[in-house]
Amino acid sequence: MASPIPKWNHARAKFACWGDSLTDGYAATFAAAYNPPRQVYNGGVGGENTTQELARMVASTLYRGRVTIIWDRITGGEADATWLANIASMVALATSGKFVVVSDINKTDGTEDVGSAFRTQMIARNAALSASYGANFLDVVSALDSNALRSDGLHLNATGRDTVFIPALKQKLVD
Protein backbone atom coordinates (compact mmCIF):
# COMPACT_ATOMS: atom_id res chain seq x y z
CA MET A 1 0.00 0.00 0.00
CA ALA A 2 1.26 3.48 -0.81
CA SER A 3 2.18 5.79 2.00
CA PRO A 4 0.07 8.92 2.56
CA ILE A 5 0.56 11.79 0.15
CA PRO A 6 3.67 13.69 1.28
CA LYS A 7 3.09 17.33 2.20
CA TRP A 8 4.62 20.02 0.02
CA ASN A 9 4.69 23.75 -0.41
CA HIS A 10 1.31 24.49 -2.00
CA ALA A 11 2.39 27.97 -2.99
CA ARG A 12 4.76 26.46 -5.54
CA ALA A 13 3.04 23.18 -6.37
CA LYS A 14 2.94 22.27 -10.05
CA PHE A 15 0.65 19.55 -11.34
CA ALA A 16 0.61 17.05 -14.18
CA CYS A 17 -2.83 15.61 -14.94
CA TRP A 18 -2.91 12.43 -17.03
CA GLY A 19 -5.90 10.57 -18.43
CA ASP A 20 -8.69 10.68 -20.96
CA SER A 21 -11.53 13.12 -21.63
CA LEU A 22 -12.42 13.20 -17.91
CA THR A 23 -8.99 14.67 -17.22
CA ASP A 24 -9.17 17.02 -20.18
CA GLY A 25 -12.44 18.36 -18.77
CA TYR A 26 -11.04 19.57 -15.44
CA ALA A 27 -7.30 20.28 -15.82
CA ALA A 28 -7.53 23.87 -17.05
CA THR A 29 -10.08 24.83 -14.41
CA PHE A 30 -8.01 23.09 -11.72
CA ALA A 31 -5.14 25.54 -12.32
CA ALA A 32 -7.39 28.49 -11.56
CA ALA A 33 -8.78 26.86 -8.40
CA TYR A 34 -5.67 28.04 -6.58
CA ASN A 35 -4.75 31.61 -5.73
CA PRO A 36 -2.40 32.35 -7.32
CA PRO A 37 -3.13 29.86 -10.12
CA ARG A 38 -0.81 26.87 -10.35
CA GLN A 39 0.98 25.48 -13.36
CA VAL A 40 -1.00 22.48 -14.59
CA TYR A 41 -0.03 20.26 -17.49
CA ASN A 42 -3.20 18.90 -19.12
CA GLY A 43 -2.32 15.40 -20.29
CA GLY A 44 -5.96 14.47 -20.81
CA VAL A 45 -6.80 13.24 -24.31
CA GLY A 46 -10.33 12.18 -25.12
CA GLY A 47 -10.79 8.68 -26.49
CA GLU A 48 -7.45 7.35 -25.28
CA ASN A 49 -7.03 4.26 -23.14
CA THR A 50 -4.39 3.76 -20.46
CA THR A 51 -1.97 2.08 -22.88
CA GLN A 52 -1.93 5.25 -25.00
CA GLU A 53 -1.80 7.52 -21.94
CA LEU A 54 1.12 5.56 -20.47
CA ALA A 55 3.01 5.81 -23.77
CA ARG A 56 2.59 9.59 -23.75
CA MET A 57 3.68 9.76 -20.12
CA VAL A 58 6.80 7.65 -20.81
CA ALA A 59 7.69 9.90 -23.75
CA SER A 60 7.20 13.13 -21.80
CA THR A 61 9.85 13.56 -19.12
CA LEU A 62 9.15 17.27 -18.54
CA TYR A 63 6.37 16.74 -16.01
CA ARG A 64 7.72 13.86 -13.90
CA GLY A 65 8.68 15.98 -10.88
CA ARG A 66 5.21 17.44 -10.52
CA VAL A 67 2.33 16.33 -8.35
CA THR A 68 0.69 13.72 -10.60
CA ILE A 69 -3.06 13.21 -10.91
CA ILE A 70 -4.32 10.21 -12.87
CA TRP A 71 -7.97 9.89 -13.87
CA ASP A 72 -9.04 7.49 -16.59
CA ARG A 73 -12.31 5.74 -17.25
CA ILE A 74 -11.82 2.23 -18.56
CA THR A 75 -12.78 2.05 -22.23
CA GLY A 76 -14.16 -0.78 -24.29
CA GLY A 77 -11.66 -3.40 -25.25
CA GLU A 78 -9.20 -2.68 -22.45
CA ALA A 79 -9.00 -5.54 -19.95
CA ASP A 80 -9.22 -4.71 -16.25
CA ALA A 81 -5.78 -6.22 -15.61
CA THR A 82 -4.23 -4.08 -18.36
CA TRP A 83 -5.96 -0.94 -17.05
CA LEU A 84 -4.74 -1.57 -13.50
CA ALA A 85 -1.19 -2.44 -14.63
CA ASN A 86 -0.97 0.68 -16.79
CA ILE A 87 -2.11 2.88 -13.92
CA ALA A 88 0.53 1.25 -11.70
CA SER A 89 3.16 2.04 -14.36
CA MET A 90 1.93 5.63 -14.52
CA VAL A 91 2.20 5.93 -10.73
CA ALA A 92 5.76 4.59 -10.92
CA LEU A 93 6.59 7.47 -13.27
CA ALA A 94 5.39 10.02 -10.69
CA THR A 95 8.92 10.64 -9.52
CA SER A 96 7.93 13.41 -7.11
CA GLY A 97 6.27 10.73 -4.96
CA LYS A 98 3.20 12.95 -4.82
CA PHE A 99 0.25 11.53 -6.72
CA VAL A 100 -3.49 10.93 -6.65
CA VAL A 101 -5.31 8.18 -8.53
CA VAL A 102 -8.98 9.00 -9.07
CA SER A 103 -11.62 6.27 -9.20
CA ASP A 104 -13.26 4.97 -12.32
CA ILE A 105 -16.83 6.30 -12.56
CA ASN A 106 -20.06 5.06 -14.06
CA LYS A 107 -22.38 6.75 -16.53
CA THR A 108 -25.52 8.23 -15.01
CA ASP A 109 -27.75 7.50 -18.00
CA GLY A 110 -29.20 4.31 -16.48
CA THR A 111 -26.97 1.88 -18.39
CA GLU A 112 -24.45 1.46 -15.56
CA ASP A 113 -26.63 1.55 -12.46
CA VAL A 114 -26.16 -0.59 -9.35
CA GLY A 115 -26.39 -4.26 -10.33
CA SER A 116 -25.17 -3.77 -13.90
CA ALA A 117 -22.13 -5.72 -15.10
CA PHE A 118 -20.15 -2.50 -15.62
CA ARG A 119 -20.96 -1.24 -12.12
CA THR A 120 -19.94 -4.56 -10.54
CA GLN A 121 -16.63 -4.54 -12.43
CA MET A 122 -16.08 -0.85 -11.64
CA ILE A 123 -16.49 -1.53 -7.92
CA ALA A 124 -13.87 -4.28 -8.15
CA ARG A 125 -11.46 -2.03 -10.11
CA ASN A 126 -11.88 0.77 -7.60
CA ALA A 127 -11.34 -1.64 -4.69
CA ALA A 128 -8.07 -2.70 -6.34
CA LEU A 129 -7.02 0.94 -6.74
CA SER A 130 -7.90 1.68 -3.13
CA ALA A 131 -5.92 -1.34 -1.90
CA SER A 132 -2.92 -0.37 -4.02
CA TYR A 133 -2.83 3.37 -3.38
CA GLY A 134 -4.52 3.86 0.00
CA ALA A 135 -4.45 7.52 0.98
CA ASN A 136 -3.46 8.43 -2.58
CA PHE A 137 -6.77 7.08 -3.95
CA LEU A 138 -9.70 9.47 -4.41
CA ASP A 139 -13.09 7.76 -4.71
CA VAL A 140 -15.57 10.10 -6.39
CA VAL A 141 -18.21 7.55 -7.47
CA SER A 142 -20.87 8.45 -4.89
CA ALA A 143 -20.17 12.18 -4.98
CA LEU A 144 -20.61 12.33 -8.76
CA ASP A 145 -23.41 9.77 -9.23
CA SER A 146 -26.00 12.28 -10.41
CA ASN A 147 -27.22 13.50 -13.79
CA ALA A 148 -27.23 17.02 -12.32
CA LEU A 149 -23.41 16.88 -12.20
CA ARG A 150 -22.87 15.49 -15.71
CA SER A 151 -23.12 17.10 -19.11
CA ASP A 152 -23.80 13.90 -21.05
CA GLY A 153 -24.21 11.13 -18.50
CA LEU A 154 -20.42 10.70 -18.24
CA HIS A 155 -18.46 13.95 -18.41
CA LEU A 156 -18.74 16.49 -15.62
CA ASN A 157 -20.60 19.71 -16.19
CA ALA A 158 -19.40 22.96 -14.58
CA THR A 159 -21.29 22.20 -11.36
CA GLY A 160 -19.86 18.70 -11.06
CA ARG A 161 -16.38 19.91 -11.87
CA ASP A 162 -16.26 23.15 -9.87
CA THR A 163 -18.38 22.35 -6.81
CA VAL A 164 -17.73 18.63 -6.32
CA PHE A 165 -14.68 17.22 -8.13
CA ILE A 166 -12.12 20.04 -7.84
CA PRO A 167 -12.85 20.70 -4.13
CA ALA A 168 -12.60 16.95 -3.41
CA LEU A 169 -9.30 16.76 -5.28
CA LYS A 170 -7.89 19.82 -3.52
CA GLN A 171 -8.94 18.37 -0.15
CA LYS A 172 -7.26 15.04 -0.99
CA LEU A 173 -4.06 16.93 -1.77
CA VAL A 174 -3.94 18.56 1.68
CA ASP A 175 -5.32 15.78 3.91
C-alpha atoms as a PDB file:
ATOM      1  CA  MET A   1       0.000   0.000   0.000  1.00  0.00           C
ATOM      2  CA  ALA A   2       1.261   3.481  -0.809  1.00  0.00           C
ATOM      3  CA  SER A   3       2.177   5.792   2.001  1.00  0.00           C
ATOM      4  CA  PRO A   4       0.071   8.921   2.560  1.00  0.00           C
ATOM      5  CA  ILE A   5       0.558  11.786   0.152  1.00  0.00           C
ATOM      6  CA  PRO A   6       3.669  13.694   1.281  1.00  0.00           C
ATOM      7  CA  LYS A   7       3.092  17.326   2.205  1.00  0.00           C
ATOM      8  CA  TRP A   8       4.621  20.017   0.020  1.00  0.00           C
ATOM      9  CA  ASN A   9       4.691  23.755  -0.415  1.00  0.00           C
ATOM     10  CA  HIS A  10       1.314  24.487  -1.995  1.00  0.00           C
ATOM     11  CA  ALA A  11       2.390  27.974  -2.990  1.00  0.00           C
ATOM     12  CA  ARG A  12       4.762  26.464  -5.537  1.00  0.00           C
ATOM     13  CA  ALA A  13       3.042  23.182  -6.374  1.00  0.00           C
ATOM     14  CA  LYS A  14       2.942  22.273 -10.052  1.00  0.00           C
ATOM     15  CA  PHE A  15       0.649  19.551 -11.336  1.00  0.00           C
ATOM     16  CA  ALA A  16       0.608  17.047 -14.180  1.00  0.00           C
ATOM     17  CA  CYS A  17      -2.831  15.610 -14.938  1.00  0.00           C
ATOM     18  CA  TRP A  18      -2.913  12.426 -17.028  1.00  0.00           C
ATOM     19  CA  GLY A  19      -5.898  10.574 -18.428  1.00  0.00           C
ATOM     20  CA  ASP A  20      -8.690  10.679 -20.960  1.00  0.00           C
ATOM     21  CA  SER A  21     -11.531  13.116 -21.630  1.00  0.00           C
ATOM     22  CA  LEU A  22     -12.418  13.199 -17.910  1.00  0.00           C
ATOM     23  CA  THR A  23      -8.986  14.672 -17.215  1.00  0.00           C
ATOM     24  CA  ASP A  24      -9.171  17.020 -20.178  1.00  0.00           C
ATOM     25  CA  GLY A  25     -12.440  18.365 -18.766  1.00  0.00           C
ATOM     26  CA  TYR A  26     -11.039  19.569 -15.442  1.00  0.00           C
ATOM     27  CA  ALA A  27      -7.304  20.281 -15.817  1.00  0.00           C
ATOM     28  CA  ALA A  28      -7.533  23.873 -17.051  1.00  0.00           C
ATOM     29  CA  THR A  29     -10.079  24.829 -14.408  1.00  0.00           C
ATOM     30  CA  PHE A  30      -8.012  23.094 -11.722  1.00  0.00           C
ATOM     31  CA  ALA A  31      -5.137  25.538 -12.321  1.00  0.00           C
ATOM     32  CA  ALA A  32      -7.385  28.494 -11.557  1.00  0.00           C
ATOM     33  CA  ALA A  33      -8.778  26.859  -8.401  1.00  0.00           C
ATOM     34  CA  TYR A  34      -5.668  28.037  -6.576  1.00  0.00           C
ATOM     35  CA  ASN A  35      -4.747  31.606  -5.730  1.00  0.00           C
ATOM     36  CA  PRO A  36      -2.396  32.346  -7.322  1.00  0.00           C
ATOM     37  CA  PRO A  37      -3.131  29.861 -10.122  1.00  0.00           C
ATOM     38  CA  ARG A  38      -0.809  26.867 -10.353  1.00  0.00           C
ATOM     39  CA  GLN A  39       0.977  25.480 -13.357  1.00  0.00           C
ATOM     40  CA  VAL A  40      -1.001  22.482 -14.593  1.00  0.00           C
ATOM     41  CA  TYR A  41      -0.028  20.261 -17.489  1.00  0.00           C
ATOM     42  CA  ASN A  42      -3.196  18.904 -19.122  1.00  0.00           C
ATOM     43  CA  GLY A  43      -2.321  15.400 -20.291  1.00  0.00           C
ATOM     44  CA  GLY A  44      -5.963  14.470 -20.808  1.00  0.00           C
ATOM     45  CA  VAL A  45      -6.797  13.240 -24.309  1.00  0.00           C
ATOM     46  CA  GLY A  46     -10.334  12.183 -25.118  1.00  0.00           C
ATOM     47  CA  GLY A  47     -10.791   8.681 -26.492  1.00  0.00           C
ATOM     48  CA  GLU A  48      -7.454   7.350 -25.282  1.00  0.00           C
ATOM     49  CA  ASN A  49      -7.032   4.259 -23.138  1.00  0.00           C
ATOM     50  CA  THR A  50      -4.389   3.756 -20.462  1.00  0.00           C
ATOM     51  CA  THR A  51      -1.970   2.083 -22.883  1.00  0.00           C
ATOM     52  CA  GLN A  52      -1.926   5.249 -25.000  1.00  0.00           C
ATOM     53  CA  GLU A  53      -1.797   7.519 -21.937  1.00  0.00           C
ATOM     54  CA  LEU A  54       1.119   5.560 -20.473  1.00  0.00           C
ATOM     55  CA  ALA A  55       3.009   5.810 -23.775  1.00  0.00           C
ATOM     56  CA  ARG A  56       2.587   9.590 -23.751  1.00  0.00           C
ATOM     57  CA  MET A  57       3.682   9.760 -20.120  1.00  0.00           C
ATOM     58  CA  VAL A  58       6.799   7.654 -20.806  1.00  0.00           C
ATOM     59  CA  ALA A  59       7.693   9.897 -23.755  1.00  0.00           C
ATOM     60  CA  SER A  60       7.204  13.132 -21.798  1.00  0.00           C
ATOM     61  CA  THR A  61       9.854  13.558 -19.123  1.00  0.00           C
ATOM     62  CA  LEU A  62       9.147  17.272 -18.542  1.00  0.00           C
ATOM     63  CA  TYR A  63       6.369  16.739 -16.013  1.00  0.00           C
ATOM     64  CA  ARG A  64       7.721  13.865 -13.900  1.00  0.00           C
ATOM     65  CA  GLY A  65       8.679  15.976 -10.879  1.00  0.00           C
ATOM     66  CA  ARG A  66       5.210  17.437 -10.519  1.00  0.00           C
ATOM     67  CA  VAL A  67       2.327  16.333  -8.352  1.00  0.00           C
ATOM     68  CA  THR A  68       0.691  13.721 -10.602  1.00  0.00           C
ATOM     69  CA  ILE A  69      -3.057  13.208 -10.911  1.00  0.00           C
ATOM     70  CA  ILE A  70      -4.318  10.207 -12.867  1.00  0.00           C
ATOM     71  CA  TRP A  71      -7.974   9.885 -13.874  1.00  0.00           C
ATOM     72  CA  ASP A  72      -9.040   7.488 -16.592  1.00  0.00           C
ATOM     73  CA  ARG A  73     -12.311   5.738 -17.250  1.00  0.00           C
ATOM     74  CA  ILE A  74     -11.818   2.234 -18.562  1.00  0.00           C
ATOM     75  CA  THR A  75     -12.776   2.046 -22.229  1.00  0.00           C
ATOM     76  CA  GLY A  76     -14.162  -0.779 -24.292  1.00  0.00           C
ATOM     77  CA  GLY A  77     -11.659  -3.404 -25.250  1.00  0.00           C
ATOM     78  CA  GLU A  78      -9.199  -2.683 -22.450  1.00  0.00           C
ATOM     79  CA  ALA A  79      -9.001  -5.539 -19.947  1.00  0.00           C
ATOM     80  CA  ASP A  80      -9.225  -4.708 -16.252  1.00  0.00           C
ATOM     81  CA  ALA A  81      -5.780  -6.221 -15.609  1.00  0.00           C
ATOM     82  CA  THR A  82      -4.231  -4.084 -18.364  1.00  0.00           C
ATOM     83  CA  TRP A  83      -5.957  -0.938 -17.050  1.00  0.00           C
ATOM     84  CA  LEU A  84      -4.744  -1.568 -13.497  1.00  0.00           C
ATOM     85  CA  ALA A  85      -1.194  -2.439 -14.628  1.00  0.00           C
ATOM     86  CA  ASN A  86      -0.974   0.679 -16.788  1.00  0.00           C
ATOM     87  CA  ILE A  87      -2.115   2.878 -13.920  1.00  0.00           C
ATOM     88  CA  ALA A  88       0.534   1.246 -11.704  1.00  0.00           C
ATOM     89  CA  SER A  89       3.157   2.038 -14.360  1.00  0.00           C
ATOM     90  CA  MET A  90       1.932   5.635 -14.523  1.00  0.00           C
ATOM     91  CA  VAL A  91       2.198   5.927 -10.730  1.00  0.00           C
ATOM     92  CA  ALA A  92       5.756   4.590 -10.918  1.00  0.00           C
ATOM     93  CA  LEU A  93       6.589   7.471 -13.270  1.00  0.00           C
ATOM     94  CA  ALA A  94       5.389  10.018 -10.691  1.00  0.00           C
ATOM     95  CA  THR A  95       8.918  10.635  -9.516  1.00  0.00           C
ATOM     96  CA  SER A  96       7.934  13.413  -7.112  1.00  0.00           C
ATOM     97  CA  GLY A  97       6.273  10.735  -4.956  1.00  0.00           C
ATOM     98  CA  LYS A  98       3.197  12.952  -4.817  1.00  0.00           C
ATOM     99  CA  PHE A  99       0.249  11.528  -6.724  1.00  0.00           C
ATOM    100  CA  VAL A 100      -3.491  10.933  -6.649  1.00  0.00           C
ATOM    101  CA  VAL A 101      -5.307   8.176  -8.530  1.00  0.00           C
ATOM    102  CA  VAL A 102      -8.983   9.003  -9.072  1.00  0.00           C
ATOM    103  CA  SER A 103     -11.621   6.267  -9.201  1.00  0.00           C
ATOM    104  CA  ASP A 104     -13.256   4.975 -12.322  1.00  0.00           C
ATOM    105  CA  ILE A 105     -16.829   6.301 -12.564  1.00  0.00           C
ATOM    106  CA  ASN A 106     -20.064   5.060 -14.058  1.00  0.00           C
ATOM    107  CA  LYS A 107     -22.379   6.750 -16.528  1.00  0.00           C
ATOM    108  CA  THR A 108     -25.519   8.227 -15.008  1.00  0.00           C
ATOM    109  CA  ASP A 109     -27.749   7.497 -18.002  1.00  0.00           C
ATOM    110  CA  GLY A 110     -29.201   4.313 -16.476  1.00  0.00           C
ATOM    111  CA  THR A 111     -26.970   1.880 -18.386  1.00  0.00           C
ATOM    112  CA  GLU A 112     -24.446   1.458 -15.559  1.00  0.00           C
ATOM    113  CA  ASP A 113     -26.626   1.553 -12.456  1.00  0.00           C
ATOM    114  CA  VAL A 114     -26.158  -0.595  -9.353  1.00  0.00           C
ATOM    115  CA  GLY A 115     -26.391  -4.260 -10.332  1.00  0.00           C
ATOM    116  CA  SER A 116     -25.168  -3.774 -13.898  1.00  0.00           C
ATOM    117  CA  ALA A 117     -22.129  -5.716 -15.095  1.00  0.00           C
ATOM    118  CA  PHE A 118     -20.155  -2.499 -15.616  1.00  0.00           C
ATOM    119  CA  ARG A 119     -20.964  -1.243 -12.120  1.00  0.00           C
ATOM    120  CA  THR A 120     -19.937  -4.562 -10.539  1.00  0.00           C
ATOM    121  CA  GLN A 121     -16.626  -4.537 -12.428  1.00  0.00           C
ATOM    122  CA  MET A 122     -16.078  -0.846 -11.642  1.00  0.00           C
ATOM    123  CA  ILE A 123     -16.493  -1.529  -7.918  1.00  0.00           C
ATOM    124  CA  ALA A 124     -13.867  -4.285  -8.153  1.00  0.00           C
ATOM    125  CA  ARG A 125     -11.458  -2.033 -10.107  1.00  0.00           C
ATOM    126  CA  ASN A 126     -11.876   0.770  -7.603  1.00  0.00           C
ATOM    127  CA  ALA A 127     -11.339  -1.641  -4.689  1.00  0.00           C
ATOM    128  CA  ALA A 128      -8.065  -2.702  -6.336  1.00  0.00           C
ATOM    129  CA  LEU A 129      -7.024   0.940  -6.744  1.00  0.00           C
ATOM    130  CA  SER A 130      -7.900   1.681  -3.127  1.00  0.00           C
ATOM    131  CA  ALA A 131      -5.919  -1.339  -1.903  1.00  0.00           C
ATOM    132  CA  SER A 132      -2.917  -0.370  -4.024  1.00  0.00           C
ATOM    133  CA  TYR A 133      -2.830   3.375  -3.377  1.00  0.00           C
ATOM    134  CA  GLY A 134      -4.525   3.856  -0.001  1.00  0.00           C
ATOM    135  CA  ALA A 135      -4.446   7.520   0.983  1.00  0.00           C
ATOM    136  CA  ASN A 136      -3.456   8.429  -2.580  1.00  0.00           C
ATOM    137  CA  PHE A 137      -6.766   7.084  -3.955  1.00  0.00           C
ATOM    138  CA  LEU A 138      -9.702   9.470  -4.409  1.00  0.00           C
ATOM    139  CA  ASP A 139     -13.093   7.756  -4.713  1.00  0.00           C
ATOM    140  CA  VAL A 140     -15.573  10.100  -6.394  1.00  0.00           C
ATOM    141  CA  VAL A 141     -18.212   7.555  -7.467  1.00  0.00           C
ATOM    142  CA  SER A 142     -20.866   8.451  -4.888  1.00  0.00           C
ATOM    143  CA  ALA A 143     -20.170  12.181  -4.981  1.00  0.00           C
ATOM    144  CA  LEU A 144     -20.605  12.331  -8.761  1.00  0.00           C
ATOM    145  CA  ASP A 145     -23.406   9.769  -9.225  1.00  0.00           C
ATOM    146  CA  SER A 146     -25.995  12.283 -10.409  1.00  0.00           C
ATOM    147  CA  ASN A 147     -27.215  13.498 -13.790  1.00  0.00           C
ATOM    148  CA  ALA A 148     -27.230  17.017 -12.325  1.00  0.00           C
ATOM    149  CA  LEU A 149     -23.414  16.883 -12.205  1.00  0.00           C
ATOM    150  CA  ARG A 150     -22.872  15.493 -15.706  1.00  0.00           C
ATOM    151  CA  SER A 151     -23.122  17.097 -19.113  1.00  0.00           C
ATOM    152  CA  ASP A 152     -23.800  13.896 -21.047  1.00  0.00           C
ATOM    153  CA  GLY A 153     -24.207  11.134 -18.501  1.00  0.00           C
ATOM    154  CA  LEU A 154     -20.418  10.697 -18.236  1.00  0.00           C
ATOM    155  CA  HIS A 155     -18.456  13.949 -18.407  1.00  0.00           C
ATOM    156  CA  LEU A 156     -18.739  16.488 -15.623  1.00  0.00           C
ATOM    157  CA  ASN A 157     -20.599  19.712 -16.191  1.00  0.00           C
ATOM    158  CA  ALA A 158     -19.402  22.960 -14.580  1.00  0.00           C
ATOM    159  CA  THR A 159     -21.294  22.196 -11.359  1.00  0.00           C
ATOM    160  CA  GLY A 160     -19.855  18.699 -11.059  1.00  0.00           C
ATOM    161  CA  ARG A 161     -16.380  19.911 -11.875  1.00  0.00           C
ATOM    162  CA  ASP A 162     -16.265  23.148  -9.871  1.00  0.00           C
ATOM    163  CA  THR A 163     -18.379  22.353  -6.806  1.00  0.00           C
ATOM    164  CA  VAL A 164     -17.734  18.630  -6.320  1.00  0.00           C
ATOM    165  CA  PHE A 165     -14.678  17.223  -8.133  1.00  0.00           C
ATOM    166  CA  ILE A 166     -12.122  20.040  -7.840  1.00  0.00           C
ATOM    167  CA  PRO A 167     -12.852  20.702  -4.130  1.00  0.00           C
ATOM    168  CA  ALA A 168     -12.598  16.950  -3.413  1.00  0.00           C
ATOM    169  CA  LEU A 169      -9.304  16.765  -5.282  1.00  0.00           C
ATOM    170  CA  LYS A 170      -7.892  19.823  -3.521  1.00  0.00           C
ATOM    171  CA  GLN A 171      -8.936  18.366  -0.151  1.00  0.00           C
ATOM    172  CA  LYS A 172      -7.256  15.043  -0.993  1.00  0.00           C
ATOM    173  CA  LEU A 173      -4.057  16.928  -1.774  1.00  0.00           C
ATOM    174  CA  VAL A 174      -3.937  18.561   1.675  1.00  0.00           C
ATOM    175  CA  ASP A 175      -5.321  15.783   3.913  1.00  0.00           C
END
